[in-house]
Amino acid sequence: MASSMGISLLTENEYRALQELGEFDTTTSSWLRTPREVRDRGGAIFGDLRFGRVFVYHSGAESYYAARGFRGKLKV
């Protein structure tokens, strides 16, 4: 979906940098760009901000969180 919109998902490092600009995903979480070796095994990563710190988690890409949003970037 992100590719069809012309954007790229944020990497874990980019997501951590975003969280330094403000507080995002304090009540939700967002899918992040997942390394190929994890995706090849059916996994995916997502992140959120809780208790004043950024957490990055893993889950199956087809998990019940399939409706979760994602964080992306657009180069102009």
PDB file of N, CA and C in Angstrom:
ATOM      1  N   MET A   1       0.825  -1.187   0.000  1.00  0.00           N
ATOM      2  CA  MET A   1       0.000   0.000   0.000  1.00  0.00           C
ATOM      3  C   MET A   1       0.871   1.253   0.000  1.00  0.00           C
ATOM      4  N   ALA A   2       1.914   1.256   0.829  1.00  0.00           N
ATOM      5  CA  ALA A   2       2.782   2.430   0.903  1.00  0.00           C
ATOM      6  C   ALA A   2       3.408   2.716  -0.459  1.00  0.00           C
ATOM      7  N   SER A   3       3.868   1.684  -1.140  1.00  0.00           N
ATOM      8  CA  SER A   3       4.474   1.876  -2.464  1.00  0.00           C
ATOM      9  C   SER A   3       3.490   2.485  -3.442  1.00  0.00           C
ATOM     10  N   SER A   4       2.246   2.052  -3.402  1.00  0.00           N
ATOM     11  CA  SER A   4       1.242   2.601  -4.322  1.00  0.00           C
ATOM     12  C   SER A   4       0.956   4.071  -4.022  1.00  0.00           C
ATOM     13  N   MET A   5       1.256   4.505  -2.795  1.00  0.00           N
ATOM     14  CA  MET A   5       1.082   5.906  -2.413  1.00  0.00           C
ATOM     15  C   MET A   5       2.343   6.728  -2.698  1.00  0.00           C
ATOM     16  N   GLY A   6       3.425   6.050  -3.115  1.00  0.00           N
ATOM     17  CA  GLY A   6       4.672   6.739  -3.399  1.00  0.00           C
ATOM     18  C   GLY A   6       5.506   7.055  -2.173  1.00  0.00           C
ATOM     19  N   ILE A   7       5.294   6.317  -1.080  1.00  0.00           N
ATOM     20  CA  ILE A   7       6.064   6.550   0.141  1.00  0.00           C
ATOM     21  C   ILE A   7       6.800   5.281   0.550  1.00  0.00           C
ATOM     22  N   SER A   8       7.747   5.427   1.457  1.00  0.00           N
ATOM     23  CA  SER A   8       8.490   4.305   2.020  1.00  0.00           C
ATOM     24  C   SER A   8       8.197   4.234   3.510  1.00  0.00           C
ATOM     25  N   LEU A   9       8.064   3.037   4.039  1.00  0.00           N
ATOM     26  CA  LEU A   9       7.880   2.884   5.481  1.00  0.00           C
ATOM     27  C   LEU A   9       9.142   3.339   6.204  1.00  0.00           C
ATOM     28  N   LEU A  10       8.964   3.888   7.391  1.00  0.00           N
ATOM     29  CA  LEU A  10      10.107   4.293   8.204  1.00  0.00           C
ATOM     30  C   LEU A  10      10.846   3.068   8.719  1.00  0.00           C
ATOM     31  N   THR A  11      12.167   3.167   8.777  1.00  0.00           N
ATOM     32  CA  THR A  11      12.968   2.133   9.415  1.00  0.00           C
ATOM     33  C   THR A  11      12.875   2.337  10.928  1.00  0.00           C
ATOM     34  N   GLU A  12      13.399   1.395  11.666  1.00  0.00           N
ATOM     35  CA  GLU A  12      13.413   1.528  13.124  1.00  0.00           C
ATOM     36  C   GLU A  12      14.172   2.794  13.539  1.00  0.00           C
ATOM     37  N   ASN A  13      15.319   3.047  12.930  1.00  0.00           N
ATOM     38  CA  ASN A  13      16.103   4.237  13.279  1.00  0.00           C
ATOM     39  C   ASN A  13      15.365   5.519  12.925  1.00  0.00           C
ATOM     40  N   GLU A  14      14.701   5.551  11.774  1.00  0.00           N
ATOM     41  CA  GLU A  14      13.932   6.731  11.385  1.00  0.00           C
ATOM     42  C   GLU A  14      12.755   6.953  12.331  1.00  0.00           C
ATOM     43  N   TYR A  15      12.144   5.874  12.770  1.00  0.00           N
ATOM     44  CA  TYR A  15      11.023   5.971  13.710  1.00  0.00           C
ATOM     45  C   TYR A  15      11.490   6.547  15.047  1.00  0.00           C
ATOM     46  N   ARG A  16      12.637   6.100  15.511  1.00  0.00           N
ATOM     47  CA  ARG A  16      13.188   6.637  16.762  1.00  0.00           C
ATOM     48  C   ARG A  16      13.499   8.125  16.606  1.00  0.00           C
ATOM     49  N   ALA A  17      14.017   8.526  15.436  1.00  0.00           N
ATOM     50  CA  ALA A  17      14.295   9.950  15.177  1.00  0.00           C
ATOM     51  C   ALA A  17      12.995  10.747  15.140  1.00  0.00           C
ATOM     52  N   LEU A  18      11.949  10.191  14.547  1.00  0.00           N
ATOM     53  CA  LEU A  18      10.644  10.863  14.510  1.00  0.00           C
ATOM     54  C   LEU A  18      10.149  11.133  15.922  1.00  0.00           C
ATOM     55  N   GLN A  19      10.316  10.181  16.811  1.00  0.00           N
ATOM     56  CA  GLN A  19       9.835  10.325  18.178  1.00  0.00           C
ATOM     57  C   GLN A  19      10.569  11.433  18.937  1.00  0.00           C
ATOM     58  N   GLU A  20      11.728  11.839  18.444  1.00  0.00           N
ATOM     59  CA  GLU A  20      12.443  12.960  19.062  1.00  0.00           C
ATOM     60  C   GLU A  20      11.813  14.301  18.684  1.00  0.00           C
ATOM     61  N   LEU A  21      10.997  14.310  17.639  1.00  0.00           N
ATOM     62  CA  LEU A  21      10.335  15.540  17.184  1.00  0.00           C
ATOM     63  C   LEU A  21       9.007  15.789  17.886  1.00  0.00           C
ATOM     64  N   GLY A  22       8.457  14.775  18.504  1.00  0.00           N
ATOM     65  CA  GLY A  22       7.162  14.878  19.167  1.00  0.00           C
ATOM     66  C   GLY A  22       6.776  13.524  19.715  1.00  0.00           C
ATOM     67  N   GLU A  23       5.563  13.430  20.216  1.00  0.00           N
ATOM     68  CA  GLU A  23       5.082  12.160  20.762  1.00  0.00           C
ATOM     69  C   GLU A  23       4.062  11.562  19.804  1.00  0.00           C
ATOM     70  N   PHE A  24       4.421  10.466  19.182  1.00  0.00           N
ATOM     71  CA  PHE A  24       3.574   9.784  18.210  1.00  0.00           C
ATOM     72  C   PHE A  24       3.293   8.371  18.696  1.00  0.00           C
ATOM     73  N   ASP A  25       2.153   7.858  18.340  1.00  0.00           N
ATOM     74  CA  ASP A  25       1.761   6.489  18.686  1.00  0.00           C
ATOM     75  C   ASP A  25       1.754   6.259  20.194  1.00  0.00           C
ATOM     76  N   THR A  26       1.133   7.179  20.914  1.00  0.00           N
ATOM     77  CA  THR A  26       1.048   7.032  22.366  1.00  0.00           C
ATOM     78  C   THR A  26      -0.126   6.145  22.788  1.00  0.00           C
ATOM     79  N   THR A  27      -1.080   5.943  21.909  1.00  0.00           N
ATOM     80  CA  THR A  27      -2.212   5.056  22.210  1.00  0.00           C
ATOM     81  C   THR A  27      -2.405   4.000  21.131  1.00  0.00           C
ATOM     82  N   THR A  28      -1.605   4.066  20.079  1.00  0.00           N
ATOM     83  CA  THR A  28      -1.658   3.101  18.984  1.00  0.00           C
ATOM     84  C   THR A  28      -0.231   2.673  18.686  1.00  0.00           C
ATOM     85  N   SER A  29      -0.054   1.878  17.671  1.00  0.00           N
ATOM     86  CA  SER A  29       1.278   1.510  17.203  1.00  0.00           C
ATOM     87  C   SER A  29       1.254   1.506  15.685  1.00  0.00           C
ATOM     88  N   SER A  30       2.425   1.555  15.075  1.00  0.00           N
ATOM     89  CA  SER A  30       2.526   1.629  13.619  1.00  0.00           C
ATOM     90  C   SER A  30       3.522   0.606  13.093  1.00  0.00           C
ATOM     91  N   TRP A  31       3.166  -0.003  11.954  1.00  0.00           N
ATOM     92  CA  TRP A  31       4.089  -0.903  11.268  1.00  0.00           C
ATOM     93  C   TRP A  31       5.290  -0.111  10.792  1.00  0.00           C
ATOM     94  N   LEU A  32       6.456  -0.729  10.816  1.00  0.00           N
ATOM     95  CA  LEU A  32       7.694  -0.123  10.347  1.00  0.00           C
ATOM     96  C   LEU A  32       8.314  -1.002   9.263  1.00  0.00           C
ATOM     97  N   ARG A  33       9.263  -0.425   8.530  1.00  0.00           N
ATOM     98  CA  ARG A  33       9.961  -1.205   7.509  1.00  0.00           C
ATOM     99  C   ARG A  33      10.723  -2.324   8.207  1.00  0.00           C
ATOM    100  N   THR A  34      10.501  -3.517   7.741  1.00  0.00           N
ATOM    101  CA  THR A  34      11.060  -4.707   8.377  1.00  0.00           C
ATOM    102  C   THR A  34      12.197  -5.258   7.536  1.00  0.00           C
ATOM    103  N   PRO A  35      13.318  -5.600   8.149  1.00  0.00           N
ATOM    104  CA  PRO A  35      14.427  -6.179   7.389  1.00  0.00           C
ATOM    105  C   PRO A  35      13.986  -7.425   6.621  1.00  0.00           C
ATOM    106  N   ARG A  36      14.536  -7.608   5.432  1.00  0.00           N
ATOM    107  CA  ARG A  36      14.168  -8.724   4.549  1.00  0.00           C
ATOM    108  C   ARG A  36      14.262 -10.070   5.247  1.00  0.00           C
ATOM    109  N   GLU A  37      15.319 -10.287   6.046  1.00  0.00           N
ATOM    110  CA  GLU A  37      15.488 -11.597   6.687  1.00  0.00           C
ATOM    111  C   GLU A  37      14.358 -11.904   7.667  1.00  0.00           C
ATOM    112  N   VAL A  38      13.748 -10.880   8.242  1.00  0.00           N
ATOM    113  CA  VAL A  38      12.599 -11.077   9.133  1.00  0.00           C
ATOM    114  C   VAL A  38      11.344 -11.305   8.298  1.00  0.00           C
ATOM    115  N   ARG A  39      11.148 -10.510   7.247  1.00  0.00           N
ATOM    116  CA  ARG A  39       9.969 -10.665   6.376  1.00  0.00           C
ATOM    117  C   ARG A  39       9.966 -12.039   5.713  1.00  0.00           C
ATOM    118  N   ASP A  40      11.146 -12.528   5.311  1.00  0.00           N
ATOM    119  CA  ASP A  40      11.231 -13.839   4.666  1.00  0.00           C
ATOM    120  C   ASP A  40      10.765 -14.959   5.584  1.00  0.00           C
ATOM    121  N   ARG A  41      10.790 -14.704   6.874  1.00  0.00           N
ATOM    122  CA  ARG A  41      10.337 -15.705   7.855  1.00  0.00           C
ATOM    123  C   ARG A  41       8.917 -15.430   8.339  1.00  0.00           C
ATOM    124  N   GLY A  42       8.241 -14.475   7.674  1.00  0.00           N
ATOM    125  CA  GLY A  42       6.853 -14.197   8.009  1.00  0.00           C
ATOM    126  C   GLY A  42       6.649 -13.173   9.106  1.00  0.00           C
ATOM    127  N   GLY A  43       7.715 -12.503   9.531  1.00  0.00           N
ATOM    128  CA  GLY A  43       7.607 -11.542  10.614  1.00  0.00           C
ATOM    129  C   GLY A  43       7.506 -10.107  10.135  1.00  0.00           C
ATOM    130  N   ALA A  44       7.192  -9.236  11.054  1.00  0.00           N
ATOM    131  CA  ALA A  44       7.115  -7.798  10.790  1.00  0.00           C
ATOM    132  C   ALA A  44       7.374  -7.072  12.110  1.00  0.00           C
ATOM    133  N   ILE A  45       7.830  -5.805  12.022  1.00  0.00           N
ATOM    134  CA  ILE A  45       8.058  -5.032  13.244  1.00  0.00           C
ATOM    135  C   ILE A  45       7.144  -3.810  13.277  1.00  0.00           C
ATOM    136  N   PHE A  46       6.856  -3.366  14.485  1.00  0.00           N
ATOM    137  CA  PHE A  46       6.044  -2.172  14.689  1.00  0.00           C
ATOM    138  C   PHE A  46       6.541  -1.462  15.937  1.00  0.00           C
ATOM    139  N   GLY A  47       6.189  -0.184  16.056  1.00  0.00           N
ATOM    140  CA  GLY A  47       6.668   0.582  17.189  1.00  0.00           C
ATOM    141  C   GLY A  47       5.597   1.467  17.792  1.00  0.00           C
ATOM    142  N   ASP A  48       5.866   1.911  19.019  1.00  0.00           N
ATOM    143  CA  ASP A  48       4.998   2.871  19.685  1.00  0.00           C
ATOM    144  C   ASP A  48       5.795   3.594  20.766  1.00  0.00           C
ATOM    145  N   LEU A  49       5.155   4.552  21.408  1.00  0.00           N
ATOM    146  CA  LEU A  49       5.770   5.332  22.479  1.00  0.00           C
ATOM    147  C   LEU A  49       4.943   5.114  23.737  1.00  0.00           C
ATOM    148  N   ARG A  50       5.567   4.530  24.745  1.00  0.00           N
ATOM    149  CA  ARG A  50       4.910   4.294  26.031  1.00  0.00           C
ATOM    150  C   ARG A  50       5.881   4.647  27.152  1.00  0.00           C
ATOM    151  N   PHE A  51       5.350   5.192  28.224  1.00  0.00           N
ATOM    152  CA  PHE A  51       6.152   5.468  29.419  1.00  0.00           C
ATOM    153  C   PHE A  51       7.376   6.335  29.105  1.00  0.00           C
ATOM    154  N   GLY A  52       7.233   7.205  28.103  1.00  0.00           N
ATOM    155  CA  GLY A  52       8.309   8.107  27.749  1.00  0.00           C
ATOM    156  C   GLY A  52       9.450   7.483  26.964  1.00  0.00           C
ATOM    157  N   ARG A  53       9.241   6.278  26.420  1.00  0.00           N
ATOM    158  CA  ARG A  53      10.293   5.654  25.619  1.00  0.00           C
ATOM    159  C   ARG A  53       9.719   4.932  24.423  1.00  0.00           C
ATOM    160  N   VAL A  54      10.545   4.769  23.402  1.00  0.00           N
ATOM    161  CA  VAL A  54      10.131   4.111  22.161  1.00  0.00           C
ATOM    162  C   VAL A  54      10.331   2.612  22.314  1.00  0.00           C
ATOM    163  N   PHE A  55       9.303   1.856  21.938  1.00  0.00           N
ATOM    164  CA  PHE A  55       9.383   0.405  21.923  1.00  0.00           C
ATOM    165  C   PHE A  55       9.201  -0.080  20.494  1.00  0.00           C
ATOM    166  N   VAL A  56       9.984  -1.067  20.109  1.00  0.00           N
ATOM    167  CA  VAL A  56       9.828  -1.720  18.818  1.00  0.00           C
ATOM    168  C   VAL A  56       9.598  -3.195  19.112  1.00  0.00           C
ATOM    169  N   TYR A  57       8.542  -3.741  18.502  1.00  0.00           N
ATOM    170  CA  TYR A  57       8.118  -5.108  18.751  1.00  0.00           C
ATOM    171  C   TYR A  57       8.129  -5.890  17.447  1.00  0.00           C
ATOM    172  N   HIS A  58       7.864  -7.177  17.553  1.00  0.00           N
ATOM    173  CA  HIS A  58       7.729  -8.022  16.370  1.00  0.00           C
ATOM    174  C   HIS A  58       6.421  -8.791  16.451  1.00  0.00           C
ATOM    175  N   SER A  59       5.961  -9.206  15.309  1.00  0.00           N
ATOM    176  CA  SER A  59       4.745  -9.997  15.225  1.00  0.00           C
ATOM    177  C   SER A  59       4.743 -10.682  13.873  1.00  0.00           C
ATOM    178  N   GLY A  60       3.846 -11.620  13.702  1.00  0.00           N
ATOM    179  CA  GLY A  60       3.669 -12.201  12.382  1.00  0.00           C
ATOM    180  C   GLY A  60       3.022 -11.170  11.470  1.00  0.00           C
ATOM    181  N   ALA A  61       3.457 -11.108  10.240  1.00  0.00           N
ATOM    182  CA  ALA A  61       2.919 -10.122   9.299  1.00  0.00           C
ATOM    183  C   ALA A  61       1.426 -10.315   9.072  1.00  0.00           C
ATOM    184  N   GLU A  62       0.928 -11.500   9.251  1.00  0.00           N
ATOM    185  CA  GLU A  62      -0.491 -11.785   9.043  1.00  0.00           C
ATOM    186  C   GLU A  62      -1.258 -11.831  10.364  1.00  0.00           C
ATOM    187  N   SER A  63      -0.720 -11.203  11.392  1.00  0.00           N
ATOM    188  CA  SER A  63      -1.333 -11.249  12.711  1.00  0.00           C
ATOM    189  C   SER A  63      -2.659 -10.492  12.748  1.00  0.00           C
ATOM    190  N   TYR A  64      -3.325 -10.571  13.879  1.00  0.00           N
ATOM    191  CA  TYR A  64      -4.597  -9.866  14.034  1.00  0.00           C
ATOM    192  C   TYR A  64      -4.404  -8.361  14.060  1.00  0.00           C
ATOM    193  N   TYR A  65      -3.162  -7.903  14.021  1.00  0.00           N
ATOM    194  CA  TYR A  65      -2.888  -6.470  13.932  1.00  0.00           C
ATOM    195  C   TYR A  65      -2.817  -6.002  12.482  1.00  0.00           C
ATOM    196  N   ALA A  66      -3.311  -6.795  11.557  1.00  0.00           N
ATOM    197  CA  ALA A  66      -3.186  -6.476  10.133  1.00  0.00           C
ATOM    198  C   ALA A  66      -3.768  -5.110   9.787  1.00  0.00           C
ATOM    199  N   ALA A  67      -4.699  -4.603  10.574  1.00  0.00           N
ATOM    200  CA  ALA A  67      -5.321  -3.311  10.284  1.00  0.00           C
ATOM    201  C   ALA A  67      -4.536  -2.135  10.873  1.00  0.00           C
ATOM    202  N   ARG A  68      -3.411  -2.397  11.524  1.00  0.00           N
ATOM    203  CA  ARG A  68      -2.576  -1.341  12.112  1.00  0.00           C
ATOM    204  C   ARG A  68      -2.089  -0.409  11.005  1.00  0.00           C
ATOM    205  N   GLY A  69      -1.946   0.866  11.331  1.00  0.00           N
ATOM    206  CA  GLY A  69      -1.413   1.835  10.385  1.00  0.00           C
ATOM    207  C   GLY A  69       0.097   1.702  10.260  1.00  0.00           C
ATOM    208  N   PHE A  70       0.680   2.542   9.431  1.00  0.00           N
ATOM    209  CA  PHE A  70       2.132   2.524   9.281  1.00  0.00           C
ATOM    210  C   PHE A  70       2.658   3.943   9.255  1.00  0.00           C
ATOM    211  N   ARG A  71       3.951   4.080   9.491  1.00  0.00           N
ATOM    212  CA  ARG A  71       4.624   5.374   9.423  1.00  0.00           C
ATOM    213  C   ARG A  71       5.495   5.365   8.177  1.00  0.00           C
ATOM    214  N   GLY A  72       5.369   6.421   7.379  1.00  0.00           N
ATOM    215  CA  GLY A  72       6.120   6.472   6.136  1.00  0.00           C
ATOM    216  C   GLY A  72       6.764   7.813   5.902  1.00  0.00           C
ATOM    217  N   LYS A  73       7.557   7.871   4.850  1.00  0.00           N
ATOM    218  CA  LYS A  73       8.218   9.109   4.470  1.00  0.00           C
ATOM    219  C   LYS A  73       8.025   9.312   2.971  1.00  0.00           C
ATOM    220  N   LEU A  74       7.983  10.565   2.615  1.00  0.00           N
ATOM    221  CA  LEU A  74       7.801  10.976   1.226  1.00  0.00           C
ATOM    222  C   LEU A  74       8.951  11.905   0.872  1.00  0.00           C
ATOM    223  N   LYS A  75       9.698  11.540  -0.150  1.00  0.00           N
ATOM    224  CA  LYS A  75      10.792  12.409  -0.604  1.00  0.00           C
ATOM    225  C   LYS A  75      10.257  13.313  -1.706  1.00  0.00           C
ATOM    226  N   VAL A  76      10.513  14.606  -1.529  1.00  0.00           N
ATOM    227  CA  VAL A  76      10.076  15.578  -2.553  1.00  0.00           C
ATOM    228  C   VAL A  76      11.259  16.318  -3.116  1.00  0.00           C
TER     229      VAL A  76
END
